[in-house]
Amino acid sequence: MQDGCSAKSPLGFLGIIRGGFQFESGIEASLELGWTHLSGHYEGRPDVIEPQGAGPQPGSVTDDLAWAARLSGCTAVVARQKIALRLGLGVGGVFASVPDHRSGQYSVVPPQGDRYTASVDVSQTAHGTYLYVAPEVGLGLRLSRAFEIDADLEVMTAIGLTTAHYDATNGVLVKNAAGDPELAYLHDQNLTGTPFFSFVPRRA
């Protein structure tokens, strides 16, 4: 999102099912499946709209974004002692849906007629595919060969392969100074940065 807006840090959760094998050396190799959901609120973001024949017109909008995704990948962890420092790395794919609810107002100066304020209130869901790289560090307490309690911190970095973006091809209807509907277009833009990061505390 652009400078000049106020934003709440995105918050959410990550749930993972992980299954694998631990070698005698202490190295663990596993496959994982998961689901993650993040949401954020961005207020006062500068934006432009383009009513037909009027050119780009400035405005300010509020975006309520979510990032809901399935992920699958593999992880390798090194942990050699009964009470051990755990160091790991996960790599995989993320398949995300990104709903965006956008509302705002734009000051429009048409080539003919009176100036007016165009109000927009629209929702759209975009989709993206990402590569994630997730180094993790933590502590593990091995209670038996088959059972262990872990506390980890994971930093997930998502790199866009096909980044979710706002599709403005269909346009939106706004009311002009006379109260008549008029077709206008918002601009295409990425809904997420690439790459972007999330911090995930975890206990297992």
N, C-alpha and C. Protein backbone atom coordinates (compact mmCIF):
# COMPACT_ATOMS: atom_id res chain seq x y z
N MET A 1 0.83 -1.19 0.00
CA MET A 1 0.00 0.00 0.00
C MET A 1 0.87 1.25 0.00
N GLN A 2 0.29 2.38 -0.43
CA GLN A 2 1.07 3.58 -0.65
C GLN A 2 1.26 4.39 0.62
N ASP A 3 2.27 5.30 0.58
CA ASP A 3 2.48 6.23 1.68
C ASP A 3 1.29 7.16 1.79
N GLY A 4 1.08 7.71 3.01
CA GLY A 4 0.00 8.66 3.21
C GLY A 4 -1.24 8.03 3.78
N CYS A 5 -1.26 6.72 3.97
CA CYS A 5 -2.43 6.07 4.55
C CYS A 5 -2.06 5.51 5.92
N SER A 6 -3.08 5.33 6.77
CA SER A 6 -2.86 4.68 8.06
C SER A 6 -3.23 3.22 7.92
N ALA A 7 -2.45 2.36 8.55
CA ALA A 7 -2.66 0.92 8.38
C ALA A 7 -2.50 0.22 9.71
N LYS A 8 -3.34 -0.79 9.94
CA LYS A 8 -3.17 -1.69 11.05
C LYS A 8 -2.38 -2.89 10.57
N SER A 9 -1.41 -3.32 11.38
CA SER A 9 -0.62 -4.47 10.98
C SER A 9 -1.52 -5.68 10.76
N PRO A 10 -1.37 -6.37 9.64
CA PRO A 10 -2.21 -7.53 9.38
C PRO A 10 -2.02 -8.60 10.46
N LEU A 11 -3.13 -9.17 10.91
CA LEU A 11 -3.11 -10.23 11.91
C LEU A 11 -3.86 -11.44 11.38
N GLY A 12 -3.52 -12.61 11.88
CA GLY A 12 -4.22 -13.80 11.44
C GLY A 12 -3.69 -15.04 12.12
N PHE A 13 -3.88 -16.18 11.48
CA PHE A 13 -3.44 -17.44 12.06
C PHE A 13 -2.90 -18.35 10.97
N LEU A 14 -2.15 -19.33 11.39
CA LEU A 14 -1.61 -20.36 10.50
C LEU A 14 -1.78 -21.70 11.17
N GLY A 15 -2.45 -22.63 10.50
CA GLY A 15 -2.59 -23.99 11.00
C GLY A 15 -1.91 -24.97 10.06
N ILE A 16 -1.09 -25.86 10.58
CA ILE A 16 -0.32 -26.79 9.76
C ILE A 16 -0.42 -28.20 10.33
N ILE A 17 -0.63 -29.15 9.44
CA ILE A 17 -0.50 -30.56 9.76
C ILE A 17 0.82 -31.04 9.14
N ARG A 18 1.67 -31.61 9.98
CA ARG A 18 3.00 -32.00 9.51
C ARG A 18 3.26 -33.46 9.88
N GLY A 19 3.75 -34.22 8.94
CA GLY A 19 4.11 -35.61 9.20
C GLY A 19 5.42 -35.95 8.53
N GLY A 20 6.27 -36.70 9.23
CA GLY A 20 7.57 -36.99 8.64
C GLY A 20 8.32 -38.06 9.40
N PHE A 21 9.62 -38.04 9.26
CA PHE A 21 10.49 -39.08 9.81
C PHE A 21 11.73 -38.42 10.41
N GLN A 22 12.16 -38.95 11.55
CA GLN A 22 13.37 -38.46 12.19
C GLN A 22 14.47 -39.52 12.08
N PHE A 23 15.61 -39.12 11.53
CA PHE A 23 16.73 -40.03 11.37
C PHE A 23 17.55 -40.10 12.67
N GLU A 24 18.38 -41.12 12.79
CA GLU A 24 19.22 -41.29 13.98
C GLU A 24 20.12 -40.09 14.22
N SER A 25 20.49 -39.41 13.16
CA SER A 25 21.36 -38.23 13.29
C SER A 25 20.67 -37.04 13.94
N GLY A 26 19.33 -37.10 14.09
CA GLY A 26 18.58 -35.98 14.65
C GLY A 26 17.94 -35.09 13.60
N ILE A 27 18.18 -35.39 12.34
CA ILE A 27 17.57 -34.61 11.26
C ILE A 27 16.15 -35.13 11.00
N GLU A 28 15.20 -34.18 10.95
CA GLU A 28 13.80 -34.52 10.66
C GLU A 28 13.46 -34.04 9.25
N ALA A 29 12.76 -34.89 8.51
CA ALA A 29 12.25 -34.52 7.19
C ALA A 29 10.75 -34.77 7.19
N SER A 30 9.97 -33.78 6.77
CA SER A 30 8.52 -33.93 6.84
C SER A 30 7.83 -33.19 5.70
N LEU A 31 6.59 -33.62 5.44
CA LEU A 31 5.68 -32.93 4.53
C LEU A 31 4.65 -32.18 5.36
N GLU A 32 4.16 -31.06 4.83
CA GLU A 32 3.17 -30.28 5.58
C GLU A 32 2.07 -29.75 4.69
N LEU A 33 0.88 -29.70 5.26
CA LEU A 33 -0.29 -29.09 4.64
C LEU A 33 -0.86 -28.08 5.62
N GLY A 34 -1.32 -26.94 5.11
CA GLY A 34 -1.80 -25.93 6.05
C GLY A 34 -2.79 -24.97 5.45
N TRP A 35 -3.29 -24.10 6.32
CA TRP A 35 -4.23 -23.06 5.96
C TRP A 35 -3.85 -21.82 6.74
N THR A 36 -3.82 -20.67 6.07
CA THR A 36 -3.50 -19.42 6.75
C THR A 36 -4.50 -18.34 6.35
N HIS A 37 -4.74 -17.42 7.28
CA HIS A 37 -5.65 -16.30 7.02
C HIS A 37 -5.10 -15.05 7.70
N LEU A 38 -4.92 -13.98 6.91
CA LEU A 38 -4.48 -12.68 7.42
C LEU A 38 -5.50 -11.64 6.99
N SER A 39 -5.67 -10.60 7.81
CA SER A 39 -6.56 -9.49 7.43
C SER A 39 -5.91 -8.17 7.84
N GLY A 40 -6.15 -7.13 7.03
CA GLY A 40 -5.58 -5.82 7.29
C GLY A 40 -6.54 -4.71 6.89
N HIS A 41 -6.37 -3.54 7.50
CA HIS A 41 -7.23 -2.37 7.25
C HIS A 41 -6.33 -1.19 6.89
N TYR A 42 -6.59 -0.60 5.72
CA TYR A 42 -5.77 0.51 5.21
C TYR A 42 -6.69 1.69 4.94
N GLU A 43 -6.48 2.77 5.66
CA GLU A 43 -7.39 3.92 5.60
C GLU A 43 -6.67 5.16 5.07
N GLY A 44 -7.37 5.92 4.21
CA GLY A 44 -6.81 7.17 3.69
C GLY A 44 -5.78 6.96 2.61
N ARG A 45 -5.86 5.85 1.88
CA ARG A 45 -4.87 5.59 0.83
C ARG A 45 -5.16 6.44 -0.40
N PRO A 46 -4.17 7.20 -0.91
CA PRO A 46 -4.38 7.98 -2.13
C PRO A 46 -4.66 7.05 -3.32
N ASP A 47 -5.62 7.43 -4.15
CA ASP A 47 -6.00 6.60 -5.28
C ASP A 47 -6.51 7.51 -6.40
N VAL A 48 -6.73 6.94 -7.57
CA VAL A 48 -7.29 7.70 -8.69
C VAL A 48 -8.41 6.88 -9.32
N ILE A 49 -9.36 7.60 -9.91
CA ILE A 49 -10.43 7.00 -10.68
C ILE A 49 -10.49 7.72 -12.02
N GLU A 50 -10.98 7.06 -13.03
CA GLU A 50 -11.00 7.65 -14.36
C GLU A 50 -12.40 7.52 -14.98
N PRO A 51 -13.28 8.51 -14.71
CA PRO A 51 -14.58 8.52 -15.40
C PRO A 51 -14.37 8.68 -16.90
N GLN A 52 -15.26 8.12 -17.68
CA GLN A 52 -15.11 8.19 -19.13
C GLN A 52 -15.04 9.63 -19.60
N GLY A 53 -13.94 9.95 -20.32
CA GLY A 53 -13.77 11.28 -20.88
C GLY A 53 -13.20 12.31 -19.94
N ALA A 54 -12.97 11.96 -18.67
CA ALA A 54 -12.52 12.96 -17.69
C ALA A 54 -11.05 12.82 -17.33
N GLY A 55 -10.41 11.70 -17.66
CA GLY A 55 -9.02 11.49 -17.26
C GLY A 55 -8.91 11.12 -15.80
N PRO A 56 -7.70 10.82 -15.31
CA PRO A 56 -7.50 10.41 -13.91
C PRO A 56 -7.91 11.50 -12.93
N GLN A 57 -8.66 11.14 -11.90
CA GLN A 57 -9.13 12.07 -10.88
C GLN A 57 -8.72 11.56 -9.50
N PRO A 58 -8.20 12.43 -8.61
CA PRO A 58 -7.67 11.97 -7.32
C PRO A 58 -8.76 11.69 -6.30
N GLY A 59 -8.42 10.83 -5.35
CA GLY A 59 -9.34 10.52 -4.26
C GLY A 59 -8.62 9.83 -3.12
N SER A 60 -9.39 9.41 -2.15
CA SER A 60 -8.87 8.73 -0.97
C SER A 60 -9.79 7.56 -0.66
N VAL A 61 -9.21 6.41 -0.39
CA VAL A 61 -10.02 5.20 -0.19
C VAL A 61 -9.58 4.44 1.06
N THR A 62 -10.46 3.56 1.50
CA THR A 62 -10.18 2.61 2.57
C THR A 62 -10.28 1.20 2.00
N ASP A 63 -9.27 0.39 2.26
CA ASP A 63 -9.26 -1.00 1.81
C ASP A 63 -9.29 -1.93 3.02
N ASP A 64 -10.20 -2.88 3.00
CA ASP A 64 -10.19 -3.99 3.95
C ASP A 64 -9.79 -5.23 3.17
N LEU A 65 -8.58 -5.71 3.44
CA LEU A 65 -8.00 -6.82 2.70
C LEU A 65 -7.91 -8.07 3.57
N ALA A 66 -8.05 -9.21 2.93
CA ALA A 66 -7.80 -10.49 3.59
C ALA A 66 -6.90 -11.32 2.68
N TRP A 67 -6.19 -12.24 3.28
CA TRP A 67 -5.30 -13.15 2.53
C TRP A 67 -5.56 -14.54 3.08
N ALA A 68 -6.36 -15.31 2.36
CA ALA A 68 -6.72 -16.66 2.79
C ALA A 68 -6.08 -17.65 1.84
N ALA A 69 -5.34 -18.61 2.38
CA ALA A 69 -4.51 -19.43 1.48
C ALA A 69 -4.35 -20.85 2.00
N ARG A 70 -4.26 -21.77 1.05
CA ARG A 70 -3.82 -23.14 1.31
C ARG A 70 -2.33 -23.22 1.01
N LEU A 71 -1.62 -24.00 1.77
CA LEU A 71 -0.20 -24.17 1.50
C LEU A 71 0.20 -25.63 1.64
N SER A 72 1.20 -26.01 0.89
CA SER A 72 1.76 -27.36 0.98
C SER A 72 3.25 -27.27 0.71
N GLY A 73 4.03 -28.07 1.42
CA GLY A 73 5.48 -28.00 1.24
C GLY A 73 6.19 -29.07 2.04
N CYS A 74 7.47 -28.87 2.24
CA CYS A 74 8.30 -29.81 2.99
C CYS A 74 9.22 -29.03 3.92
N THR A 75 9.61 -29.68 5.01
CA THR A 75 10.43 -29.03 6.03
C THR A 75 11.53 -29.98 6.48
N ALA A 76 12.71 -29.43 6.72
CA ALA A 76 13.82 -30.18 7.32
C ALA A 76 14.23 -29.46 8.60
N VAL A 77 14.40 -30.22 9.68
CA VAL A 77 14.74 -29.67 10.99
C VAL A 77 15.90 -30.47 11.58
N VAL A 78 16.82 -29.75 12.23
CA VAL A 78 17.93 -30.39 12.94
C VAL A 78 17.72 -30.20 14.43
N ALA A 79 17.65 -31.31 15.19
CA ALA A 79 17.49 -31.27 16.65
C ALA A 79 18.10 -32.55 17.21
N ARG A 80 19.23 -32.47 17.90
CA ARG A 80 19.99 -33.67 18.23
C ARG A 80 19.91 -34.10 19.70
N GLN A 81 19.55 -33.22 20.61
CA GLN A 81 19.58 -33.55 22.02
C GLN A 81 18.16 -33.72 22.56
N LYS A 82 18.07 -34.27 23.81
CA LYS A 82 16.75 -34.42 24.44
C LYS A 82 16.11 -33.05 24.63
N ILE A 83 16.86 -32.08 25.11
CA ILE A 83 16.41 -30.68 25.12
C ILE A 83 17.27 -29.97 24.09
N ALA A 84 16.67 -29.61 22.97
CA ALA A 84 17.48 -29.22 21.82
C ALA A 84 17.04 -27.90 21.22
N LEU A 85 18.01 -27.16 20.73
CA LEU A 85 17.74 -26.02 19.86
C LEU A 85 17.37 -26.57 18.49
N ARG A 86 16.23 -26.17 18.00
CA ARG A 86 15.73 -26.67 16.71
C ARG A 86 15.95 -25.60 15.64
N LEU A 87 16.56 -25.98 14.54
CA LEU A 87 16.76 -25.10 13.39
C LEU A 87 16.16 -25.78 12.18
N GLY A 88 15.28 -25.08 11.47
CA GLY A 88 14.60 -25.72 10.35
C GLY A 88 14.36 -24.77 9.19
N LEU A 89 13.97 -25.35 8.07
CA LEU A 89 13.64 -24.58 6.88
C LEU A 89 12.52 -25.27 6.13
N GLY A 90 11.45 -24.52 5.86
CA GLY A 90 10.33 -25.04 5.08
C GLY A 90 10.25 -24.33 3.73
N VAL A 91 9.88 -25.08 2.71
CA VAL A 91 9.73 -24.53 1.36
C VAL A 91 8.48 -25.15 0.75
N GLY A 92 7.69 -24.34 0.03
CA GLY A 92 6.51 -24.89 -0.60
C GLY A 92 5.73 -23.85 -1.39
N GLY A 93 4.50 -24.20 -1.72
CA GLY A 93 3.63 -23.33 -2.51
C GLY A 93 2.43 -22.85 -1.72
N VAL A 94 1.97 -21.64 -2.03
CA VAL A 94 0.80 -21.04 -1.40
C VAL A 94 -0.19 -20.65 -2.50
N PHE A 95 -1.45 -21.02 -2.30
CA PHE A 95 -2.50 -20.73 -3.28
C PHE A 95 -3.54 -19.87 -2.57
N ALA A 96 -3.53 -18.56 -2.89
CA ALA A 96 -4.23 -17.57 -2.06
C ALA A 96 -5.41 -16.95 -2.78
N SER A 97 -6.45 -16.65 -1.97
CA SER A 97 -7.55 -15.78 -2.38
C SER A 97 -7.43 -14.48 -1.58
N VAL A 98 -7.58 -13.34 -2.26
CA VAL A 98 -7.39 -12.04 -1.61
C VAL A 98 -8.63 -11.17 -1.84
N PRO A 99 -9.62 -11.23 -0.92
CA PRO A 99 -10.77 -10.34 -1.02
C PRO A 99 -10.39 -8.91 -0.65
N ASP A 100 -10.91 -7.95 -1.41
CA ASP A 100 -10.67 -6.53 -1.15
C ASP A 100 -12.00 -5.80 -1.15
N HIS A 101 -12.36 -5.18 -0.01
CA HIS A 101 -13.53 -4.29 0.03
C HIS A 101 -13.01 -2.86 0.04
N ARG A 102 -13.34 -2.11 -0.99
CA ARG A 102 -12.79 -0.77 -1.19
C ARG A 102 -13.92 0.25 -1.18
N SER A 103 -13.75 1.29 -0.36
CA SER A 103 -14.73 2.39 -0.32
C SER A 103 -13.96 3.70 -0.26
N GLY A 104 -14.51 4.73 -0.91
CA GLY A 104 -13.83 6.02 -0.90
C GLY A 104 -14.53 7.05 -1.75
N GLN A 105 -13.93 8.23 -1.81
CA GLN A 105 -14.48 9.35 -2.56
C GLN A 105 -13.39 9.99 -3.40
N TYR A 106 -13.80 10.48 -4.58
CA TYR A 106 -12.89 11.09 -5.54
C TYR A 106 -13.47 12.45 -5.97
N SER A 107 -12.60 13.42 -6.09
CA SER A 107 -13.00 14.75 -6.56
C SER A 107 -12.83 14.79 -8.08
N VAL A 108 -13.94 14.91 -8.79
CA VAL A 108 -13.93 14.81 -10.25
C VAL A 108 -14.22 16.18 -10.87
N VAL A 109 -13.33 16.59 -11.78
CA VAL A 109 -13.53 17.81 -12.56
C VAL A 109 -13.71 17.38 -14.02
N PRO A 110 -14.96 17.27 -14.49
CA PRO A 110 -15.20 16.79 -15.85
C PRO A 110 -14.86 17.88 -16.87
N PRO A 111 -14.63 17.49 -18.13
CA PRO A 111 -14.35 18.50 -19.17
C PRO A 111 -15.53 19.42 -19.41
N GLN A 112 -16.74 18.94 -19.13
CA GLN A 112 -17.95 19.75 -19.22
C GLN A 112 -18.83 19.47 -18.01
N GLY A 113 -19.54 20.48 -17.55
CA GLY A 113 -20.41 20.30 -16.40
C GLY A 113 -19.73 20.65 -15.10
N ASP A 114 -20.46 20.45 -14.00
CA ASP A 114 -19.99 20.86 -12.69
C ASP A 114 -19.09 19.79 -12.05
N ARG A 115 -18.22 20.30 -11.20
CA ARG A 115 -17.40 19.40 -10.38
C ARG A 115 -18.31 18.55 -9.49
N TYR A 116 -17.92 17.32 -9.21
CA TYR A 116 -18.70 16.47 -8.31
C TYR A 116 -17.79 15.50 -7.56
N THR A 117 -18.37 14.89 -6.54
CA THR A 117 -17.66 13.88 -5.76
C THR A 117 -18.20 12.51 -6.11
N ALA A 118 -17.32 11.66 -6.58
CA ALA A 118 -17.70 10.30 -6.96
C ALA A 118 -17.44 9.36 -5.78
N SER A 119 -18.47 8.65 -5.35
CA SER A 119 -18.35 7.70 -4.24
C SER A 119 -18.29 6.28 -4.79
N VAL A 120 -17.41 5.49 -4.20
CA VAL A 120 -17.21 4.10 -4.65
C VAL A 120 -17.30 3.18 -3.44
N ASP A 121 -17.99 2.06 -3.60
CA ASP A 121 -18.07 1.03 -2.58
C ASP A 121 -18.16 -0.31 -3.30
N VAL A 122 -17.02 -0.97 -3.48
CA VAL A 122 -16.97 -2.19 -4.30
C VAL A 122 -16.18 -3.27 -3.57
N SER A 123 -16.44 -4.51 -3.96
CA SER A 123 -15.71 -5.65 -3.44
C SER A 123 -15.26 -6.54 -4.59
N GLN A 124 -14.11 -7.15 -4.42
CA GLN A 124 -13.57 -8.03 -5.45
C GLN A 124 -12.62 -9.02 -4.80
N THR A 125 -12.57 -10.23 -5.36
CA THR A 125 -11.64 -11.24 -4.87
C THR A 125 -10.64 -11.59 -5.97
N ALA A 126 -9.38 -11.43 -5.66
CA ALA A 126 -8.31 -11.77 -6.59
C ALA A 126 -7.64 -13.06 -6.12
N HIS A 127 -6.81 -13.63 -6.99
CA HIS A 127 -6.13 -14.88 -6.67
C HIS A 127 -4.65 -14.76 -7.02
N GLY A 128 -3.83 -15.45 -6.26
CA GLY A 128 -2.39 -15.42 -6.51
C GLY A 128 -1.73 -16.72 -6.09
N THR A 129 -0.58 -17.00 -6.68
CA THR A 129 0.22 -18.17 -6.34
C THR A 129 1.58 -17.69 -5.88
N TYR A 130 2.05 -18.23 -4.77
CA TYR A 130 3.28 -17.75 -4.14
C TYR A 130 4.19 -18.93 -3.79
N LEU A 131 5.47 -18.67 -3.79
CA LEU A 131 6.47 -19.58 -3.24
C LEU A 131 6.77 -19.11 -1.82
N TYR A 132 6.71 -20.03 -0.85
CA TYR A 132 7.07 -19.60 0.50
C TYR A 132 8.37 -20.27 0.95
N VAL A 133 9.16 -19.48 1.67
CA VAL A 133 10.38 -19.95 2.31
C VAL A 133 10.25 -19.60 3.79
N ALA A 134 10.36 -20.59 4.67
CA ALA A 134 10.03 -20.37 6.08
C ALA A 134 11.11 -20.93 7.00
N PRO A 135 12.15 -20.14 7.29
CA PRO A 135 13.11 -20.58 8.32
C PRO A 135 12.45 -20.54 9.70
N GLU A 136 12.84 -21.46 10.55
CA GLU A 136 12.27 -21.51 11.90
C GLU A 136 13.35 -21.82 12.92
N VAL A 137 13.14 -21.34 14.14
CA VAL A 137 14.04 -21.60 15.25
C VAL A 137 13.19 -21.86 16.49
N GLY A 138 13.63 -22.78 17.33
CA GLY A 138 12.82 -23.09 18.50
C GLY A 138 13.53 -24.03 19.45
N LEU A 139 12.79 -24.46 20.47
CA LEU A 139 13.28 -25.41 21.46
C LEU A 139 12.39 -26.64 21.44
N GLY A 140 13.00 -27.81 21.61
CA GLY A 140 12.24 -29.05 21.64
C GLY A 140 12.60 -29.88 22.85
N LEU A 141 11.59 -30.53 23.45
CA LEU A 141 11.79 -31.44 24.57
C LEU A 141 11.32 -32.81 24.13
N ARG A 142 12.26 -33.74 23.95
CA ARG A 142 11.92 -35.08 23.50
C ARG A 142 11.55 -35.94 24.70
N LEU A 143 10.28 -36.38 24.77
CA LEU A 143 9.79 -37.19 25.87
C LEU A 143 9.93 -38.67 25.59
N SER A 144 9.90 -39.04 24.32
CA SER A 144 10.12 -40.43 23.91
C SER A 144 10.55 -40.42 22.45
N ARG A 145 10.79 -41.56 21.91
CA ARG A 145 11.20 -41.63 20.51
C ARG A 145 10.12 -41.12 19.57
N ALA A 146 8.86 -41.27 19.98
CA ALA A 146 7.73 -40.91 19.10
C ALA A 146 7.03 -39.63 19.52
N PHE A 147 7.44 -39.00 20.63
CA PHE A 147 6.68 -37.85 21.13
C PHE A 147 7.64 -36.75 21.56
N GLU A 148 7.32 -35.52 21.13
CA GLU A 148 8.18 -34.37 21.43
C GLU A 148 7.32 -33.13 21.54
N ILE A 149 7.66 -32.25 22.47
CA ILE A 149 7.00 -30.95 22.62
C ILE A 149 7.92 -29.88 22.06
N ASP A 150 7.39 -29.02 21.17
CA ASP A 150 8.20 -28.00 20.52
C ASP A 150 7.57 -26.62 20.72
N ALA A 151 8.42 -25.60 20.77
CA ALA A 151 8.00 -24.20 20.71
C ALA A 151 8.90 -23.52 19.69
N ASP A 152 8.30 -23.00 18.62
CA ASP A 152 9.08 -22.47 17.50
C ASP A 152 8.59 -21.07 17.11
N LEU A 153 9.49 -20.33 16.47
CA LEU A 153 9.13 -19.08 15.79
C LEU A 153 9.51 -19.24 14.33
N GLU A 154 8.54 -19.05 13.45
CA GLU A 154 8.75 -19.21 12.01
C GLU A 154 8.56 -17.86 11.32
N VAL A 155 9.44 -17.54 10.39
CA VAL A 155 9.31 -16.32 9.58
C VAL A 155 9.00 -16.76 8.15
N MET A 156 7.75 -16.58 7.75
CA MET A 156 7.35 -17.02 6.41
C MET A 156 7.49 -15.87 5.42
N THR A 157 8.25 -16.10 4.37
CA THR A 157 8.41 -15.14 3.29
C THR A 157 7.68 -15.67 2.06
N ALA A 158 6.72 -14.90 1.56
CA ALA A 158 5.95 -15.31 0.38
C ALA A 158 6.39 -14.49 -0.83
N ILE A 159 6.81 -15.16 -1.87
CA ILE A 159 7.30 -14.52 -3.09
C ILE A 159 6.29 -14.78 -4.20
N GLY A 160 5.75 -13.71 -4.78
CA GLY A 160 4.69 -13.86 -5.77
C GLY A 160 5.15 -14.49 -7.07
N LEU A 161 4.51 -15.58 -7.47
CA LEU A 161 4.71 -16.15 -8.79
C LEU A 161 3.67 -15.56 -9.74
N THR A 162 2.40 -15.56 -9.31
CA THR A 162 1.34 -14.78 -9.97
C THR A 162 0.68 -13.98 -8.86
N THR A 163 0.96 -12.69 -8.80
CA THR A 163 0.54 -11.84 -7.69
C THR A 163 -0.92 -11.43 -7.83
N ALA A 164 -1.66 -11.48 -6.71
CA ALA A 164 -3.05 -11.03 -6.70
C ALA A 164 -3.11 -9.54 -7.00
N HIS A 165 -3.95 -9.13 -7.95
CA HIS A 165 -4.07 -7.70 -8.27
C HIS A 165 -5.52 -7.34 -8.52
N TYR A 166 -5.84 -6.07 -8.29
CA TYR A 166 -7.20 -5.56 -8.51
C TYR A 166 -7.44 -5.46 -10.01
N ASP A 167 -8.53 -6.07 -10.48
CA ASP A 167 -8.89 -6.08 -11.89
C ASP A 167 -9.92 -4.98 -12.15
N ALA A 168 -9.50 -3.96 -12.89
CA ALA A 168 -10.36 -2.79 -13.11
C ALA A 168 -11.03 -2.79 -14.48
N THR A 169 -11.02 -3.91 -15.19
CA THR A 169 -11.51 -3.91 -16.57
C THR A 169 -13.01 -3.69 -16.67
N ASN A 170 -13.77 -4.08 -15.64
CA ASN A 170 -15.23 -3.97 -15.73
C ASN A 170 -15.75 -2.58 -15.37
N GLY A 171 -14.98 -1.78 -14.67
CA GLY A 171 -15.42 -0.44 -14.30
C GLY A 171 -16.44 -0.45 -13.17
N VAL A 172 -16.76 0.73 -12.67
CA VAL A 172 -17.76 0.92 -11.61
C VAL A 172 -18.68 2.06 -12.03
N LEU A 173 -19.89 2.07 -11.47
CA LEU A 173 -20.83 3.16 -11.73
C LEU A 173 -20.77 4.18 -10.62
N VAL A 174 -20.63 5.47 -10.99
CA VAL A 174 -20.68 6.57 -10.04
C VAL A 174 -21.75 7.55 -10.51
N LYS A 175 -22.18 8.44 -9.62
CA LYS A 175 -23.18 9.45 -9.98
C LYS A 175 -22.49 10.79 -10.20
N ASN A 176 -22.80 11.43 -11.34
CA ASN A 176 -22.21 12.73 -11.64
C ASN A 176 -22.97 13.85 -10.95
N ALA A 177 -22.63 15.11 -11.28
CA ALA A 177 -23.23 16.25 -10.59
C ALA A 177 -24.74 16.32 -10.81
N ALA A 178 -25.24 15.79 -11.92
CA ALA A 178 -26.68 15.80 -12.20
C ALA A 178 -27.40 14.61 -11.57
N GLY A 179 -26.64 13.72 -10.93
CA GLY A 179 -27.25 12.54 -10.32
C GLY A 179 -27.41 11.37 -11.27
N ASP A 180 -26.84 11.48 -12.47
CA ASP A 180 -26.94 10.41 -13.46
C ASP A 180 -25.78 9.43 -13.31
N PRO A 181 -26.03 8.13 -13.55
CA PRO A 181 -24.93 7.16 -13.46
C PRO A 181 -23.91 7.36 -14.57
N GLU A 182 -22.66 7.14 -14.22
CA GLU A 182 -21.57 7.33 -15.18
C GLU A 182 -20.53 6.24 -14.95
N LEU A 183 -20.05 5.66 -16.03
CA LEU A 183 -19.07 4.58 -15.92
C LEU A 183 -17.68 5.16 -15.67
N ALA A 184 -16.99 4.57 -14.68
CA ALA A 184 -15.63 5.01 -14.34
C ALA A 184 -14.77 3.79 -14.08
N TYR A 185 -13.46 4.00 -14.17
CA TYR A 185 -12.53 2.89 -14.02
C TYR A 185 -11.52 3.19 -12.93
N LEU A 186 -11.37 2.23 -12.01
CA LEU A 186 -10.26 2.28 -11.08
C LEU A 186 -9.02 1.71 -11.77
N HIS A 187 -7.88 1.90 -11.18
CA HIS A 187 -6.65 1.44 -11.81
C HIS A 187 -6.27 0.05 -11.31
N ASP A 188 -5.72 -0.77 -12.22
CA ASP A 188 -5.16 -2.07 -11.82
C ASP A 188 -3.99 -1.83 -10.86
N GLN A 189 -3.91 -2.65 -9.82
CA GLN A 189 -2.79 -2.54 -8.88
C GLN A 189 -2.65 -3.84 -8.08
N ASN A 190 -1.44 -4.13 -7.67
CA ASN A 190 -1.21 -5.30 -6.84
C ASN A 190 -1.84 -5.12 -5.46
N LEU A 191 -2.45 -6.17 -4.95
CA LEU A 191 -3.08 -6.12 -3.64
C LEU A 191 -2.13 -6.56 -2.53
N THR A 192 -1.06 -7.22 -2.89
CA THR A 192 -0.04 -7.60 -1.91
C THR A 192 1.33 -7.23 -2.45
N GLY A 193 2.24 -6.96 -1.55
CA GLY A 193 3.61 -6.74 -1.96
C GLY A 193 4.27 -8.07 -2.33
N THR A 194 5.38 -8.01 -2.97
CA THR A 194 6.13 -9.22 -3.29
C THR A 194 7.63 -8.92 -3.23
N PRO A 195 8.36 -9.55 -2.30
CA PRO A 195 7.83 -10.51 -1.33
C PRO A 195 7.21 -9.81 -0.12
N PHE A 196 6.48 -10.58 0.71
CA PHE A 196 6.04 -10.05 1.99
C PHE A 196 6.25 -11.12 3.06
N PHE A 197 6.23 -10.68 4.33
CA PHE A 197 6.69 -11.52 5.43
C PHE A 197 5.61 -11.64 6.49
N SER A 198 5.62 -12.77 7.21
CA SER A 198 4.77 -12.94 8.38
C SER A 198 5.55 -13.68 9.45
N PHE A 199 5.30 -13.32 10.71
CA PHE A 199 5.96 -13.96 11.85
C PHE A 199 4.95 -14.88 12.53
N VAL A 200 5.33 -16.15 12.73
CA VAL A 200 4.39 -17.16 13.20
C VAL A 200 4.96 -17.86 14.43
N PRO A 201 4.51 -17.48 15.66
CA PRO A 201 4.86 -18.30 16.82
C PRO A 201 4.07 -19.59 16.79
N ARG A 202 4.68 -20.69 17.24
CA ARG A 202 4.01 -21.98 17.11
C ARG A 202 4.45 -22.89 18.24
N ARG A 203 3.48 -23.69 18.72
CA ARG A 203 3.78 -24.70 19.72
C ARG A 203 3.14 -26.01 19.29
N ALA A 204 3.89 -27.10 19.43
CA ALA A 204 3.38 -28.41 18.99
C ALA A 204 3.68 -29.46 20.06
